[in-house]
Amino acid sequence: MLGFVLAVGIPLGVLVGAIFWPERVPKDRTVDVIRQRIADEDGPPAGT
C-alpha cells in the first residue's frame, strides 16, 4: 500500500507544484519594460 501511495503521490505532488507554483518574470520581460523599449525604438511621435 505504501508503494502505491508513493507511486501516485509523488508525481501528483510534482504536477500540482508545477501548475500552482508561479514562475518569476524577469525584470526586463515585464509589460511596462517592453512597452517602454518599443516606445524608445520608435522615437518621438511624428509631427512634434
N, C-alpha and C. Protein backbone atom coordinates (compact mmCIF):
# COMPACT_ATOMS: atom_id res chain seq x y z
N MET A 1 0.82 -1.21 0.00
CA MET A 1 0.00 0.00 0.00
C MET A 1 0.86 1.26 0.00
N LEU A 2 1.95 1.23 0.75
CA LEU A 2 2.84 2.40 0.81
C LEU A 2 3.45 2.70 -0.56
N GLY A 3 3.80 1.65 -1.28
CA GLY A 3 4.37 1.84 -2.62
C GLY A 3 3.38 2.51 -3.56
N PHE A 4 2.13 2.12 -3.48
CA PHE A 4 1.11 2.73 -4.32
C PHE A 4 0.92 4.20 -3.98
N VAL A 5 0.91 4.51 -2.70
CA VAL A 5 0.76 5.90 -2.27
C VAL A 5 1.93 6.73 -2.78
N LEU A 6 3.13 6.20 -2.68
CA LEU A 6 4.30 6.92 -3.18
C LEU A 6 4.29 7.03 -4.70
N ALA A 7 3.90 5.96 -5.38
CA ALA A 7 3.90 5.95 -6.84
C ALA A 7 2.88 6.94 -7.41
N VAL A 8 1.81 7.19 -6.69
CA VAL A 8 0.79 8.13 -7.14
C VAL A 8 1.02 9.51 -6.52
N GLY A 9 1.40 9.54 -5.27
CA GLY A 9 1.51 10.80 -4.54
C GLY A 9 2.64 11.69 -5.01
N ILE A 10 3.81 11.13 -5.29
CA ILE A 10 4.95 11.95 -5.71
C ILE A 10 4.70 12.61 -7.07
N PRO A 11 4.31 11.86 -8.10
CA PRO A 11 4.02 12.55 -9.37
C PRO A 11 2.86 13.54 -9.26
N LEU A 12 1.87 13.22 -8.46
CA LEU A 12 0.75 14.15 -8.27
C LEU A 12 1.22 15.43 -7.58
N GLY A 13 2.08 15.29 -6.60
CA GLY A 13 2.63 16.46 -5.92
C GLY A 13 3.47 17.32 -6.85
N VAL A 14 4.25 16.69 -7.70
CA VAL A 14 5.06 17.43 -8.68
C VAL A 14 4.15 18.16 -9.67
N LEU A 15 3.11 17.50 -10.12
CA LEU A 15 2.17 18.11 -11.06
C LEU A 15 1.48 19.32 -10.43
N VAL A 16 1.00 19.18 -9.23
CA VAL A 16 0.34 20.30 -8.54
C VAL A 16 1.33 21.44 -8.34
N GLY A 17 2.55 21.12 -7.96
CA GLY A 17 3.57 22.15 -7.78
C GLY A 17 3.88 22.87 -9.07
N ALA A 18 3.95 22.14 -10.17
CA ALA A 18 4.25 22.76 -11.47
C ALA A 18 3.11 23.65 -11.94
N ILE A 19 1.89 23.30 -11.60
CA ILE A 19 0.75 24.09 -12.05
C ILE A 19 0.57 25.34 -11.19
N PHE A 20 0.71 25.21 -9.90
CA PHE A 20 0.37 26.31 -9.00
C PHE A 20 1.55 27.15 -8.53
N TRP A 21 2.78 26.72 -8.78
CA TRP A 21 3.94 27.48 -8.36
C TRP A 21 4.25 28.52 -9.42
N PRO A 22 4.06 29.80 -9.16
CA PRO A 22 4.26 30.82 -10.19
C PRO A 22 5.74 31.00 -10.53
N GLU A 23 6.02 31.15 -11.80
CA GLU A 23 7.38 31.40 -12.25
C GLU A 23 7.63 32.90 -12.20
N ARG A 24 8.76 33.28 -11.67
CA ARG A 24 9.10 34.70 -11.56
C ARG A 24 9.42 35.25 -12.95
N VAL A 25 8.83 36.40 -13.26
CA VAL A 25 9.07 37.06 -14.53
C VAL A 25 10.31 37.95 -14.37
N PRO A 26 11.32 37.77 -15.25
CA PRO A 26 12.50 38.64 -15.16
C PRO A 26 12.10 40.10 -15.32
N LYS A 27 12.87 40.99 -14.69
CA LYS A 27 12.55 42.42 -14.69
C LYS A 27 12.49 42.99 -16.10
N ASP A 28 13.31 42.47 -17.02
CA ASP A 28 13.34 43.03 -18.37
C ASP A 28 12.28 42.39 -19.28
N ARG A 29 11.39 41.58 -18.72
CA ARG A 29 10.34 40.94 -19.51
C ARG A 29 8.94 41.36 -19.07
N THR A 30 8.82 42.40 -18.26
CA THR A 30 7.50 42.85 -17.84
C THR A 30 6.86 43.67 -18.95
N VAL A 31 5.56 43.81 -18.89
CA VAL A 31 4.82 44.55 -19.92
C VAL A 31 5.30 45.99 -19.99
N ASP A 32 5.48 46.61 -18.84
CA ASP A 32 5.89 48.02 -18.83
C ASP A 32 7.26 48.22 -19.46
N VAL A 33 8.20 47.33 -19.16
CA VAL A 33 9.55 47.48 -19.71
C VAL A 33 9.54 47.26 -21.22
N ILE A 34 8.80 46.25 -21.69
CA ILE A 34 8.72 46.00 -23.13
C ILE A 34 8.04 47.18 -23.83
N ARG A 35 6.97 47.71 -23.23
CA ARG A 35 6.28 48.87 -23.82
C ARG A 35 7.23 50.07 -23.91
N GLN A 36 8.03 50.29 -22.88
CA GLN A 36 8.98 51.39 -22.88
C GLN A 36 10.07 51.18 -23.93
N ARG A 37 10.53 49.95 -24.08
CA ARG A 37 11.56 49.65 -25.08
C ARG A 37 11.03 49.91 -26.49
N ILE A 38 9.78 49.54 -26.75
CA ILE A 38 9.19 49.79 -28.06
C ILE A 38 9.06 51.29 -28.31
N ALA A 39 8.62 52.02 -27.29
CA ALA A 39 8.49 53.48 -27.42
C ALA A 39 9.85 54.12 -27.68
N ASP A 40 10.89 53.62 -27.02
CA ASP A 40 12.24 54.17 -27.24
C ASP A 40 12.74 53.88 -28.65
N GLU A 41 12.43 52.69 -29.17
CA GLU A 41 12.86 52.35 -30.53
C GLU A 41 12.12 53.16 -31.57
N ASP A 42 10.84 53.47 -31.33
CA ASP A 42 10.04 54.22 -32.28
C ASP A 42 10.47 55.69 -32.33
N GLY A 43 11.02 56.19 -31.26
CA GLY A 43 11.42 57.59 -31.22
C GLY A 43 10.24 58.47 -30.89
N PRO A 44 10.42 59.78 -30.99
CA PRO A 44 9.32 60.70 -30.67
C PRO A 44 8.21 60.60 -31.72
N PRO A 45 6.99 60.92 -31.33
CA PRO A 45 5.87 60.88 -32.28
C PRO A 45 6.11 61.84 -33.46
N ALA A 46 5.66 61.45 -34.62
CA ALA A 46 5.85 62.27 -35.82
C ALA A 46 5.04 63.57 -35.72
N GLY A 47 5.61 64.66 -36.24
CA GLY A 47 4.91 65.92 -36.28
C GLY A 47 5.11 66.77 -35.05
N THR A 48 5.98 66.34 -34.13
CA THR A 48 6.21 67.16 -32.94
C THR A 48 7.60 67.70 -32.93
